[in-house]
């Protein structure tokens, strides 16, 4: 079992083999270690709530095999224009009233054009004025664009690694794993917090999952937010026929993310509705402390707000406030 003394201070050198060893622990030992790390850095009974809105839907040029928004696949998704700023503000205000503290805006682009970036920057400023943390996911950035988002007041930029580098070509071919790292470097250089995670259940091996976690944990500094997504199988996409992932393997992945990235908010993201209450409860025990909150994630369904409230009541969990964080600087 890994020594918890390696956690504070600086980014540890996590290798794929070291994370594989975590995965291989007896389930109870793995969950105990993850819960111990969680309690050392966070209140174990609080969960950060984020809401995600698609501000520009469909028509993306990339061929990500899991994505309903790719123009290359017939998924029945209608391409939509970039929303107006007032439409985004109305959604953000409703999210805040429901208890969200962070509002995330996603656009289906390979990367934003400069004129569209100006509109997104206006969205960021308006949402910040509501007192919410702001996050955007816009694809790959060009030089100078991260700085413009920072000037608008952006708090977080989401850009997932998706999967381990060895498996990346099985998921997407229109850009490289290195392109994602380049965008993350630009975001960091601009002084924006990083939200970066991945998707499991895309037919990858456990070793690939371990590689993904090791590559996330080896980012320096580590991501402040780490979304762990379970593949939602969208008819019409190449991933639609993938076998279901064992739900306990998902819990193990959450636990490995918590141990290797102790100060991050580990977020249950896409696929949470499919997990059910019992598996979600195990994920919270294993160190998940953030969820996407709301009835929809970009284009896929999510757990209903009332169902989340009922689950929180059953488990004795409470929403986290920005002011109430125990871990200074955590995302």
C-alpha atoms as a PDB file:
ATOM      1  CA  UNK A   1       0.000   0.000   0.000  1.00  0.00           C
ATOM      2  CA  UNK A   2       1.378   3.435  -0.873  1.00  0.00           C
ATOM      3  CA  UNK A   3       2.746   5.643   1.893  1.00  0.00           C
ATOM      4  CA  UNK A   4       0.450   8.622   2.378  1.00  0.00           C
ATOM      5  CA  UNK A   5       3.499  10.715   3.307  1.00  0.00           C
ATOM      6  CA  UNK A   6       4.286  11.066  -0.403  1.00  0.00           C
ATOM      7  CA  UNK A   7       1.125  13.117  -1.018  1.00  0.00           C
ATOM      8  CA  UNK A   8       1.667  16.685   0.263  1.00  0.00           C
ATOM      9  CA  UNK A   9       4.026  19.232  -1.196  1.00  0.00           C
ATOM     10  CA  UNK A  10       4.867  18.352  -4.765  1.00  0.00           C
ATOM     11  CA  UNK A  11       3.562  16.242  -7.610  1.00  0.00           C
ATOM     12  CA  UNK A  12       4.644  12.623  -7.031  1.00  0.00           C
ATOM     13  CA  UNK A  13       6.000  10.537  -9.884  1.00  0.00           C
ATOM     14  CA  UNK A  14       3.120   8.152 -10.501  1.00  0.00           C
ATOM     15  CA  UNK A  15       3.848   5.466 -13.071  1.00  0.00           C
ATOM     16  CA  UNK A  16       1.391   3.229 -14.868  1.00  0.00           C
ATOM     17  CA  UNK A  17       2.792   0.283 -12.917  1.00  0.00           C
ATOM     18  CA  UNK A  18       2.280   2.038  -9.585  1.00  0.00           C
ATOM     19  CA  UNK A  19      -1.342   2.805 -10.408  1.00  0.00           C
ATOM     20  CA  UNK A  20      -1.865  -0.760 -11.645  1.00  0.00           C
ATOM     21  CA  UNK A  21      -0.694  -1.905  -8.217  1.00  0.00           C
ATOM     22  CA  UNK A  22      -3.378   0.282  -6.624  1.00  0.00           C
ATOM     23  CA  UNK A  23      -6.047  -1.208  -8.897  1.00  0.00           C
ATOM     24  CA  UNK A  24      -4.905  -4.692  -7.878  1.00  0.00           C
ATOM     25  CA  UNK A  25      -5.359  -4.122  -4.139  1.00  0.00           C
ATOM     26  CA  UNK A  26      -8.188  -5.968  -2.390  1.00  0.00           C
ATOM     27  CA  UNK A  27     -11.261  -3.802  -2.851  1.00  0.00           C
ATOM     28  CA  UNK A  28     -11.680  -3.022   0.854  1.00  0.00           C
ATOM     29  CA  UNK A  29      -8.019  -2.021   1.206  1.00  0.00           C
ATOM     30  CA  UNK A  30      -8.200   0.250  -1.840  1.00  0.00           C
ATOM     31  CA  UNK A  31     -11.357   1.985  -0.626  1.00  0.00           C
ATOM     32  CA  UNK A  32      -9.917   2.398   2.885  1.00  0.00           C
ATOM     33  CA  UNK A  33      -6.769   4.015   1.527  1.00  0.00           C
ATOM     34  CA  UNK A  34      -8.733   6.315  -0.782  1.00  0.00           C
ATOM     35  CA  UNK A  35     -11.148   7.323   1.989  1.00  0.00           C
ATOM     36  CA  UNK A  36      -8.212   8.073   4.289  1.00  0.00           C
ATOM     37  CA  UNK A  37      -6.616  10.358   1.686  1.00  0.00           C
ATOM     38  CA  UNK A  38      -9.968  12.046   1.094  1.00  0.00           C
ATOM     39  CA  UNK A  39     -10.492  12.762   4.792  1.00  0.00           C
ATOM     40  CA  UNK A  40      -6.984  14.206   5.071  1.00  0.00           C
ATOM     41  CA  UNK A  41      -7.845  16.934   2.559  1.00  0.00           C
ATOM     42  CA  UNK A  42     -11.611  17.423   2.459  1.00  0.00           C
ATOM     43  CA  UNK A  43     -14.754  17.175   4.526  1.00  0.00           C
ATOM     44  CA  UNK A  44     -15.882  13.673   3.470  1.00  0.00           C
ATOM     45  CA  UNK A  45     -19.552  14.588   3.678  1.00  0.00           C
ATOM     46  CA  UNK A  46     -19.586  17.579   1.345  1.00  0.00           C
ATOM     47  CA  UNK A  47     -19.936  17.451  -2.433  1.00  0.00           C
ATOM     48  CA  UNK A  48     -19.262  20.286  -4.855  1.00  0.00           C
ATOM     49  CA  UNK A  49     -22.070  20.875  -7.358  1.00  0.00           C
ATOM     50  CA  UNK A  50     -21.383  21.967 -10.934  1.00  0.00           C
ATOM     51  CA  UNK A  51     -23.868  22.529 -13.738  1.00  0.00           C
ATOM     52  CA  UNK A  52     -22.937  22.036 -17.397  1.00  0.00           C
ATOM     53  CA  UNK A  53     -24.610  23.806 -20.311  1.00  0.00           C
ATOM     54  CA  UNK A  54     -24.012  23.239 -24.010  1.00  0.00           C
ATOM     55  CA  UNK A  55     -23.636  26.740 -25.428  1.00  0.00           C
ATOM     56  CA  UNK A  56     -22.983  25.471 -28.972  1.00  0.00           C
ATOM     57  CA  UNK A  57     -24.268  22.009 -29.883  1.00  0.00           C
ATOM     58  CA  UNK A  58     -23.307  19.637 -32.702  1.00  0.00           C
ATOM     59  CA  UNK A  59     -21.351  19.933 -35.915  1.00  0.00           C
ATOM     60  CA  UNK A  60     -17.898  19.274 -34.464  1.00  0.00           C
ATOM     61  CA  UNK A  61     -15.252  18.346 -37.040  1.00  0.00           C
ATOM     62  CA  UNK A  62     -13.441  15.857 -34.779  1.00  0.00           C
ATOM     63  CA  UNK A  63     -13.974  12.088 -34.839  1.00  0.00           C
ATOM     64  CA  UNK A  64     -14.007  11.299 -31.086  1.00  0.00           C
ATOM     65  CA  UNK A  65     -15.607   7.861 -31.086  1.00  0.00           C
ATOM     66  CA  UNK A  66     -17.791   8.447 -28.031  1.00  0.00           C
ATOM     67  CA  UNK A  67     -19.263  11.811 -29.001  1.00  0.00           C
ATOM     68  CA  UNK A  68     -22.789  12.498 -30.207  1.00  0.00           C
ATOM     69  CA  UNK A  69     -21.697  15.950 -31.399  1.00  0.00           C
ATOM     70  CA  UNK A  70     -19.282  14.816 -34.094  1.00  0.00           C
ATOM     71  CA  UNK A  71     -20.462  15.775 -37.583  1.00  0.00           C
ATOM     72  CA  UNK A  72     -19.010  12.454 -38.783  1.00  0.00           C
ATOM     73  CA  UNK A  73     -21.672  10.303 -37.092  1.00  0.00           C
ATOM     74  CA  UNK A  74     -25.415  10.038 -37.591  1.00  0.00           C
ATOM     75  CA  UNK A  75     -26.682  10.329 -34.021  1.00  0.00           C
ATOM     76  CA  UNK A  76     -29.846  12.293 -34.719  1.00  0.00           C
ATOM     77  CA  UNK A  77     -28.447  15.334 -32.936  1.00  0.00           C
ATOM     78  CA  UNK A  78     -29.497  18.656 -34.396  1.00  0.00           C
ATOM     79  CA  UNK A  79     -26.756  21.215 -34.945  1.00  0.00           C
ATOM     80  CA  UNK A  80     -27.470  24.455 -33.071  1.00  0.00           C
ATOM     81  CA  UNK A  81     -26.041  27.962 -33.066  1.00  0.00           C
ATOM     82  CA  UNK A  82     -23.968  29.532 -30.330  1.00  0.00           C
ATOM     83  CA  UNK A  83     -26.344  30.662 -27.599  1.00  0.00           C
ATOM     84  CA  UNK A  84     -26.847  34.318 -26.816  1.00  0.00           C
ATOM     85  CA  UNK A  85     -25.314  35.650 -23.621  1.00  0.00           C
ATOM     86  CA  UNK A  86     -28.701  36.340 -22.011  1.00  0.00           C
ATOM     87  CA  UNK A  87     -29.762  32.699 -22.588  1.00  0.00           C
ATOM     88  CA  UNK A  88     -26.634  31.504 -20.794  1.00  0.00           C
ATOM     89  CA  UNK A  89     -27.149  33.928 -17.919  1.00  0.00           C
ATOM     90  CA  UNK A  90     -30.710  32.679 -17.411  1.00  0.00           C
ATOM     91  CA  UNK A  91     -29.473  29.087 -17.220  1.00  0.00           C
ATOM     92  CA  UNK A  92     -26.663  30.062 -14.850  1.00  0.00           C
ATOM     93  CA  UNK A  93     -29.050  31.904 -12.559  1.00  0.00           C
ATOM     94  CA  UNK A  94     -31.315  28.820 -12.400  1.00  0.00           C
ATOM     95  CA  UNK A  95     -28.297  26.615 -11.645  1.00  0.00           C
ATOM     96  CA  UNK A  96     -27.250  28.873  -8.776  1.00  0.00           C
ATOM     97  CA  UNK A  97     -30.763  28.826  -7.353  1.00  0.00           C
ATOM     98  CA  UNK A  98     -30.609  25.003  -7.399  1.00  0.00           C
ATOM     99  CA  UNK A  99     -27.376  24.986  -5.391  1.00  0.00           C
ATOM    100  CA  UNK A 100     -24.593  24.880  -8.004  1.00  0.00           C
ATOM    101  CA  UNK A 101     -21.424  26.811  -7.209  1.00  0.00           C
ATOM    102  CA  UNK A 102     -19.727  26.341 -10.583  1.00  0.00           C
ATOM    103  CA  UNK A 103     -21.212  26.856 -14.027  1.00  0.00           C
ATOM    104  CA  UNK A 104     -19.563  25.100 -16.954  1.00  0.00           C
ATOM    105  CA  UNK A 105     -20.118  26.052 -20.599  1.00  0.00           C
ATOM    106  CA  UNK A 106     -19.274  23.634 -23.413  1.00  0.00           C
ATOM    107  CA  UNK A 107     -19.029  24.246 -27.151  1.00  0.00           C
ATOM    108  CA  UNK A 108     -18.673  21.575 -29.844  1.00  0.00           C
ATOM    109  CA  UNK A 109     -15.642  22.895 -31.687  1.00  0.00           C
ATOM    110  CA  UNK A 110     -12.210  21.627 -32.660  1.00  0.00           C
ATOM    111  CA  UNK A 111     -11.239  24.984 -31.229  1.00  0.00           C
ATOM    112  CA  UNK A 112     -12.878  28.428 -30.985  1.00  0.00           C
ATOM    113  CA  UNK A 113     -12.663  31.073 -33.685  1.00  0.00           C
ATOM    114  CA  UNK A 114     -11.613  34.474 -32.416  1.00  0.00           C
ATOM    115  CA  UNK A 115     -15.035  36.058 -32.999  1.00  0.00           C
ATOM    116  CA  UNK A 116     -16.755  33.227 -31.103  1.00  0.00           C
ATOM    117  CA  UNK A 117     -14.242  33.538 -28.283  1.00  0.00           C
ATOM    118  CA  UNK A 118     -15.373  37.126 -27.752  1.00  0.00           C
ATOM    119  CA  UNK A 119     -18.951  35.911 -27.198  1.00  0.00           C
ATOM    120  CA  UNK A 120     -17.766  33.201 -24.799  1.00  0.00           C
ATOM    121  CA  UNK A 121     -15.716  35.779 -22.894  1.00  0.00           C
ATOM    122  CA  UNK A 122     -18.867  37.861 -22.491  1.00  0.00           C
ATOM    123  CA  UNK A 123     -20.640  34.758 -21.133  1.00  0.00           C
ATOM    124  CA  UNK A 124     -17.832  34.222 -18.628  1.00  0.00           C
ATOM    125  CA  UNK A 125     -18.010  37.810 -17.399  1.00  0.00           C
ATOM    126  CA  UNK A 126     -21.795  37.663 -17.034  1.00  0.00           C
ATOM    127  CA  UNK A 127     -21.763  34.349 -15.141  1.00  0.00           C
ATOM    128  CA  UNK A 128     -18.999  35.617 -12.842  1.00  0.00           C
ATOM    129  CA  UNK A 129     -21.198  38.613 -12.035  1.00  0.00           C
ATOM    130  CA  UNK A 130     -23.743  36.155 -10.617  1.00  0.00           C
ATOM    131  CA  UNK A 131     -21.178  34.968  -8.062  1.00  0.00           C
ATOM    132  CA  UNK A 132     -20.561  31.599  -9.686  1.00  0.00           C
ATOM    133  CA  UNK A 133     -17.235  30.002 -10.546  1.00  0.00           C
ATOM    134  CA  UNK A 134     -16.821  29.701 -14.297  1.00  0.00           C
ATOM    135  CA  UNK A 135     -15.558  26.860 -16.469  1.00  0.00           C
ATOM    136  CA  UNK A 136     -15.510  26.412 -20.232  1.00  0.00           C
ATOM    137  CA  UNK A 137     -14.651  23.536 -22.541  1.00  0.00           C
ATOM    138  CA  UNK A 138     -14.036  24.785 -26.063  1.00  0.00           C
ATOM    139  CA  UNK A 139     -11.609  22.288 -27.578  1.00  0.00           C
ATOM    140  CA  UNK A 140      -8.032  23.088 -28.515  1.00  0.00           C
ATOM    141  CA  UNK A 141      -6.809  26.629 -27.995  1.00  0.00           C
ATOM    142  CA  UNK A 142      -4.582  28.749 -30.196  1.00  0.00           C
ATOM    143  CA  UNK A 143      -1.820  30.956 -28.745  1.00  0.00           C
ATOM    144  CA  UNK A 144      -3.254  33.963 -26.937  1.00  0.00           C
ATOM    145  CA  UNK A 145      -6.774  32.590 -26.501  1.00  0.00           C
ATOM    146  CA  UNK A 146      -6.221  31.315 -22.954  1.00  0.00           C
ATOM    147  CA  UNK A 147      -5.000  34.760 -21.942  1.00  0.00           C
ATOM    148  CA  UNK A 148      -8.157  36.337 -23.341  1.00  0.00           C
ATOM    149  CA  UNK A 149     -10.296  33.922 -21.320  1.00  0.00           C
ATOM    150  CA  UNK A 150      -8.272  34.686 -18.199  1.00  0.00           C
ATOM    151  CA  UNK A 151      -8.818  38.419 -18.749  1.00  0.00           C
ATOM    152  CA  UNK A 152     -12.575  37.741 -18.874  1.00  0.00           C
ATOM    153  CA  UNK A 153     -12.335  36.147 -15.433  1.00  0.00           C
ATOM    154  CA  UNK A 154     -12.389  32.450 -16.318  1.00  0.00           C
ATOM    155  CA  UNK A 155     -11.687  30.202 -13.337  1.00  0.00           C
ATOM    156  CA  UNK A 156     -11.375  26.736 -14.957  1.00  0.00           C
ATOM    157  CA  UNK A 157     -10.737  25.296 -18.391  1.00  0.00           C
ATOM    158  CA  UNK A 158     -11.853  21.713 -19.036  1.00  0.00           C
ATOM    159  CA  UNK A 159      -9.857  19.664 -21.504  1.00  0.00           C
ATOM    160  CA  UNK A 160      -9.868  15.938 -20.812  1.00  0.00           C
ATOM    161  CA  UNK A 161      -7.112  13.511 -21.750  1.00  0.00           C
ATOM    162  CA  UNK A 162      -9.975  11.066 -22.456  1.00  0.00           C
ATOM    163  CA  UNK A 163      -7.876   7.899 -22.214  1.00  0.00           C
ATOM    164  CA  UNK A 164      -4.331   6.653 -21.789  1.00  0.00           C
ATOM    165  CA  UNK A 165      -1.899   7.786 -24.485  1.00  0.00           C
ATOM    166  CA  UNK A 166      -1.316   4.217 -25.732  1.00  0.00           C
ATOM    167  CA  UNK A 167      -5.037   3.821 -26.508  1.00  0.00           C
ATOM    168  CA  UNK A 168      -5.684   7.337 -27.766  1.00  0.00           C
ATOM    169  CA  UNK A 169      -5.641   6.408 -31.453  1.00  0.00           C
ATOM    170  CA  UNK A 170      -8.478   3.929 -30.830  1.00  0.00           C
ATOM    171  CA  UNK A 171     -10.689   6.784 -29.654  1.00  0.00           C
ATOM    172  CA  UNK A 172      -9.823   9.738 -31.904  1.00  0.00           C
ATOM    173  CA  UNK A 173      -7.643  10.198 -34.995  1.00  0.00           C
ATOM    174  CA  UNK A 174      -8.231  13.836 -35.998  1.00  0.00           C
ATOM    175  CA  UNK A 175      -5.885  15.190 -33.330  1.00  0.00           C
ATOM    176  CA  UNK A 176      -3.151  13.815 -31.112  1.00  0.00           C
ATOM    177  CA  UNK A 177      -2.789  13.197 -27.407  1.00  0.00           C
ATOM    178  CA  UNK A 178       0.059  15.738 -27.536  1.00  0.00           C
ATOM    179  CA  UNK A 179      -2.375  18.383 -28.832  1.00  0.00           C
ATOM    180  CA  UNK A 180      -4.388  18.032 -25.649  1.00  0.00           C
ATOM    181  CA  UNK A 181      -1.282  18.466 -23.529  1.00  0.00           C
ATOM    182  CA  UNK A 182      -0.411  21.589 -25.510  1.00  0.00           C
ATOM    183  CA  UNK A 183      -3.768  23.196 -24.720  1.00  0.00           C
ATOM    184  CA  UNK A 184      -3.402  22.291 -21.045  1.00  0.00           C
ATOM    185  CA  UNK A 185       0.024  23.943 -21.005  1.00  0.00           C
ATOM    186  CA  UNK A 186      -1.444  27.130 -22.490  1.00  0.00           C
ATOM    187  CA  UNK A 187      -4.200  27.137 -19.861  1.00  0.00           C
ATOM    188  CA  UNK A 188      -1.685  26.759 -17.037  1.00  0.00           C
ATOM    189  CA  UNK A 189       0.580  29.458 -18.448  1.00  0.00           C
ATOM    190  CA  UNK A 190      -2.383  31.855 -18.494  1.00  0.00           C
ATOM    191  CA  UNK A 191      -3.064  31.216 -14.802  1.00  0.00           C
ATOM    192  CA  UNK A 192      -6.350  29.347 -15.268  1.00  0.00           C
ATOM    193  CA  UNK A 193      -7.207  26.304 -13.155  1.00  0.00           C
ATOM    194  CA  UNK A 194      -7.285  22.978 -14.979  1.00  0.00           C
ATOM    195  CA  UNK A 195     -10.219  20.571 -15.104  1.00  0.00           C
ATOM    196  CA  UNK A 196      -8.959  17.388 -16.735  1.00  0.00           C
ATOM    197  CA  UNK A 197     -10.075  13.772 -16.532  1.00  0.00           C
ATOM    198  CA  UNK A 198     -11.126  10.961 -18.799  1.00  0.00           C
ATOM    199  CA  UNK A 199     -13.671   8.398 -19.919  1.00  0.00           C
ATOM    200  CA  UNK A 200     -13.605   4.736 -19.010  1.00  0.00           C
ATOM    201  CA  UNK A 201     -15.561   1.862 -20.472  1.00  0.00           C
ATOM    202  CA  UNK A 202     -14.471   2.521 -24.079  1.00  0.00           C
ATOM    203  CA  UNK A 203     -13.056  -0.979 -24.510  1.00  0.00           C
ATOM    204  CA  UNK A 204      -9.723  -0.150 -22.918  1.00  0.00           C
ATOM    205  CA  UNK A 205      -7.800  -2.504 -20.637  1.00  0.00           C
ATOM    206  CA  UNK A 206      -7.179  -1.911 -16.940  1.00  0.00           C
ATOM    207  CA  UNK A 207      -3.583  -1.036 -17.846  1.00  0.00           C
ATOM    208  CA  UNK A 208      -4.862   1.776 -20.078  1.00  0.00           C
ATOM    209  CA  UNK A 209      -7.032   3.038 -17.242  1.00  0.00           C
ATOM    210  CA  UNK A 210      -3.995   2.977 -14.968  1.00  0.00           C
ATOM    211  CA  UNK A 211      -2.009   4.845 -17.624  1.00  0.00           C
ATOM    212  CA  UNK A 212      -4.727   7.515 -17.825  1.00  0.00           C
ATOM    213  CA  UNK A 213      -4.687   8.050 -14.055  1.00  0.00           C
ATOM    214  CA  UNK A 214      -0.868   8.097 -13.995  1.00  0.00           C
ATOM    215  CA  UNK A 215      -0.753  10.669 -16.803  1.00  0.00           C
ATOM    216  CA  UNK A 216      -3.313  12.879 -15.055  1.00  0.00           C
ATOM    217  CA  UNK A 217      -1.472  12.600 -11.743  1.00  0.00           C
ATOM    218  CA  UNK A 218       1.835  13.423 -13.427  1.00  0.00           C
ATOM    219  CA  UNK A 219       0.616  16.772 -14.746  1.00  0.00           C
ATOM    220  CA  UNK A 220       2.523  19.445 -12.864  1.00  0.00           C
ATOM    221  CA  UNK A 221       0.717  20.959 -11.104  1.00  0.00           C
ATOM    222  CA  UNK A 222      -2.009  18.357 -10.875  1.00  0.00           C
ATOM    223  CA  UNK A 223      -5.523  19.230 -12.119  1.00  0.00           C
ATOM    224  CA  UNK A 224      -7.716  20.982  -9.591  1.00  0.00           C
ATOM    225  CA  UNK A 225     -10.744  19.083 -10.918  1.00  0.00           C
ATOM    226  CA  UNK A 226     -10.733  15.531 -12.282  1.00  0.00           C
ATOM    227  CA  UNK A 227     -13.966  14.399 -13.982  1.00  0.00           C
ATOM    228  CA  UNK A 228     -14.299  10.623 -14.222  1.00  0.00           C
ATOM    229  CA  UNK A 229     -16.776   9.740 -16.959  1.00  0.00           C
ATOM    230  CA  UNK A 230     -18.406   6.396 -17.655  1.00  0.00           C
ATOM    231  CA  UNK A 231     -19.008   5.912 -21.366  1.00  0.00           C
ATOM    232  CA  UNK A 232     -22.579   6.720 -22.337  1.00  0.00           C
ATOM    233  CA  UNK A 233     -23.176   4.591 -25.423  1.00  0.00           C
ATOM    234  CA  UNK A 234     -24.704   6.850 -28.069  1.00  0.00           C
ATOM    235  CA  UNK A 235     -26.349   5.065 -31.022  1.00  0.00           C
ATOM    236  CA  UNK A 236     -24.552   6.012 -34.218  1.00  0.00           C
ATOM    237  CA  UNK A 237     -21.124   6.442 -32.618  1.00  0.00           C
ATOM    238  CA  UNK A 238     -18.327   3.874 -32.952  1.00  0.00           C
ATOM    239  CA  UNK A 239     -18.408   3.261 -29.189  1.00  0.00           C
ATOM    240  CA  UNK A 240     -22.097   2.355 -29.086  1.00  0.00           C
ATOM    241  CA  UNK A 241     -21.430  -1.401 -29.137  1.00  0.00           C
ATOM    242  CA  UNK A 242     -18.787  -1.470 -26.396  1.00  0.00           C
ATOM    243  CA  UNK A 243     -19.333  -3.969 -23.581  1.00  0.00           C
ATOM    244  CA  UNK A 244     -20.574  -2.602 -20.267  1.00  0.00           C
ATOM    245  CA  UNK A 245     -17.882  -1.873 -17.707  1.00  0.00           C
ATOM    246  CA  UNK A 246     -18.028  -3.678 -14.368  1.00  0.00           C
ATOM    247  CA  UNK A 247     -19.307  -0.959 -11.997  1.00  0.00           C
ATOM    248  CA  UNK A 248     -16.775  -1.936  -9.318  1.00  0.00           C
ATOM    249  CA  UNK A 249     -14.016  -1.168 -11.836  1.00  0.00           C
ATOM    250  CA  UNK A 250     -15.463   2.335 -12.060  1.00  0.00           C
ATOM    251  CA  UNK A 251     -15.295   2.629  -8.257  1.00  0.00           C
ATOM    252  CA  UNK A 252     -11.691   1.429  -8.338  1.00  0.00           C
ATOM    253  CA  UNK A 253     -10.894   4.134 -10.879  1.00  0.00           C
ATOM    254  CA  UNK A 254     -12.383   6.818  -8.639  1.00  0.00           C
ATOM    255  CA  UNK A 255     -10.339   5.488  -5.712  1.00  0.00           C
ATOM    256  CA  UNK A 256      -7.128   5.511  -7.751  1.00  0.00           C
ATOM    257  CA  UNK A 257      -7.826   9.079  -8.852  1.00  0.00           C
ATOM    258  CA  UNK A 258      -8.339  10.135  -5.229  1.00  0.00           C
ATOM    259  CA  UNK A 259      -5.137   8.508  -3.984  1.00  0.00           C
ATOM    260  CA  UNK A 260      -2.964   9.855  -6.768  1.00  0.00           C
ATOM    261  CA  UNK A 261      -4.521  13.347  -6.864  1.00  0.00           C
ATOM    262  CA  UNK A 262      -5.347  14.005  -3.207  1.00  0.00           C
ATOM    263  CA  UNK A 263      -6.095  17.725  -3.466  1.00  0.00           C
ATOM    264  CA  UNK A 264      -8.302  17.555  -6.555  1.00  0.00           C
ATOM    265  CA  UNK A 265     -12.057  17.549  -6.681  1.00  0.00           C
ATOM    266  CA  UNK A 266     -12.836  14.152  -8.221  1.00  0.00           C
ATOM    267  CA  UNK A 267     -16.082  14.525 -10.126  1.00  0.00           C
ATOM    268  CA  UNK A 268     -18.666  11.912 -11.060  1.00  0.00           C
ATOM    269  CA  UNK A 269     -19.586  13.080 -14.539  1.00  0.00           C
ATOM    270  CA  UNK A 270     -21.160  11.405 -17.569  1.00  0.00           C
ATOM    271  CA  UNK A 271     -22.771   8.040 -16.925  1.00  0.00           C
ATOM    272  CA  UNK A 272     -23.648   8.768 -13.317  1.00  0.00           C
ATOM    273  CA  UNK A 273     -27.341   8.109 -13.883  1.00  0.00           C
ATOM    274  CA  UNK A 274     -26.482   4.641 -15.193  1.00  0.00           C
ATOM    275  CA  UNK A 275     -24.460   3.796 -12.073  1.00  0.00           C
ATOM    276  CA  UNK A 276     -27.414   3.822  -9.680  1.00  0.00           C
ATOM    277  CA  UNK A 277     -27.481   4.884  -6.047  1.00  0.00           C
ATOM    278  CA  UNK A 278     -25.440   2.063  -4.509  1.00  0.00           C
ATOM    279  CA  UNK A 279     -22.475   2.470  -6.855  1.00  0.00           C
ATOM    280  CA  UNK A 280     -22.576   6.248  -6.474  1.00  0.00           C
ATOM    281  CA  UNK A 281     -22.473   5.779  -2.694  1.00  0.00           C
ATOM    282  CA  UNK A 282     -19.344   3.623  -3.069  1.00  0.00           C
ATOM    283  CA  UNK A 283     -17.812   6.321  -5.272  1.00  0.00           C
ATOM    284  CA  UNK A 284     -18.398   8.971  -2.609  1.00  0.00           C
ATOM    285  CA  UNK A 285     -16.816   6.635  -0.048  1.00  0.00           C
ATOM    286  CA  UNK A 286     -13.868   6.177  -2.424  1.00  0.00           C
ATOM    287  CA  UNK A 287     -13.242   9.915  -2.575  1.00  0.00           C
ATOM    288  CA  UNK A 288     -15.526  11.419  -5.209  1.00  0.00           C
ATOM    289  CA  UNK A 289     -16.554  14.849  -3.971  1.00  0.00           C
ATOM    290  CA  UNK A 290     -18.040  16.631  -6.949  1.00  0.00           C
ATOM    291  CA  UNK A 291     -20.889  15.930  -9.359  1.00  0.00           C
ATOM    292  CA  UNK A 292     -22.449  17.478 -12.396  1.00  0.00           C
ATOM    293  CA  UNK A 293     -25.819  18.612 -11.151  1.00  0.00           C
ATOM    294  CA  UNK A 294     -28.807  19.021 -13.444  1.00  0.00           C
ATOM    295  CA  UNK A 295     -30.947  16.956 -15.760  1.00  0.00           C
ATOM    296  CA  UNK A 296     -28.618  17.095 -18.778  1.00  0.00           C
ATOM    297  CA  UNK A 297     -24.885  17.006 -19.582  1.00  0.00           C
ATOM    298  CA  UNK A 298     -24.331  18.703 -22.934  1.00  0.00           C
ATOM    299  CA  UNK A 299     -26.393  16.198 -24.954  1.00  0.00           C
ATOM    300  CA  UNK A 300     -26.729  13.166 -22.651  1.00  0.00           C
ATOM    301  CA  UNK A 301     -29.099  12.598 -19.760  1.00  0.00           C
ATOM    302  CA  UNK A 302     -28.049  13.033 -16.147  1.00  0.00           C
ATOM    303  CA  UNK A 303     -29.502  12.156 -12.759  1.00  0.00           C
ATOM    304  CA  UNK A 304     -32.490  14.349 -11.969  1.00  0.00           C
ATOM    305  CA  UNK A 305     -32.005  17.128  -9.442  1.00  0.00           C
ATOM    306  CA  UNK A 306     -34.654  15.760  -7.093  1.00  0.00           C
ATOM    307  CA  UNK A 307     -33.103  12.281  -7.256  1.00  0.00           C
ATOM    308  CA  UNK A 308     -29.752  13.791  -6.265  1.00  0.00           C
ATOM    309  CA  UNK A 309     -31.340  15.617  -3.346  1.00  0.00           C
ATOM    310  CA  UNK A 310     -32.909  12.389  -2.138  1.00  0.00           C
ATOM    311  CA  UNK A 311     -29.616  10.510  -2.468  1.00  0.00           C
ATOM    312  CA  UNK A 312     -27.758  13.224  -0.544  1.00  0.00           C
ATOM    313  CA  UNK A 313     -30.359  12.971   2.217  1.00  0.00           C
ATOM    314  CA  UNK A 314     -29.949   9.182   2.410  1.00  0.00           C
ATOM    315  CA  UNK A 315     -26.171   9.454   2.628  1.00  0.00           C
ATOM    316  CA  UNK A 316     -25.988  12.507   4.884  1.00  0.00           C
ATOM    317  CA  UNK A 317     -24.143  14.517   2.245  1.00  0.00           C
ATOM    318  CA  UNK A 318     -24.384  18.267   1.839  1.00  0.00           C
ATOM    319  CA  UNK A 319     -23.471  20.645  -0.984  1.00  0.00           C
ATOM    320  CA  UNK A 320     -20.135  22.370  -0.677  1.00  0.00           C
ATOM    321  CA  UNK A 321     -20.024  26.154  -0.590  1.00  0.00           C
ATOM    322  CA  UNK A 322     -17.104  28.034  -2.098  1.00  0.00           C
ATOM    323  CA  UNK A 323     -16.396  29.594   1.280  1.00  0.00           C
ATOM    324  CA  UNK A 324     -16.535  26.295   3.128  1.00  0.00           C
ATOM    325  CA  UNK A 325     -13.632  24.485   1.494  1.00  0.00           C
ATOM    326  CA  UNK A 326     -11.126  22.886   3.805  1.00  0.00           C
ATOM    327  CA  UNK A 327      -8.467  22.554   1.143  1.00  0.00           C
ATOM    328  CA  UNK A 328      -7.155  25.964   0.116  1.00  0.00           C
ATOM    329  CA  UNK A 329      -6.745  26.210  -3.629  1.00  0.00           C
ATOM    330  CA  UNK A 330      -8.626  23.004  -4.369  1.00  0.00           C
ATOM    331  CA  UNK A 331     -10.774  22.919  -7.463  1.00  0.00           C
END
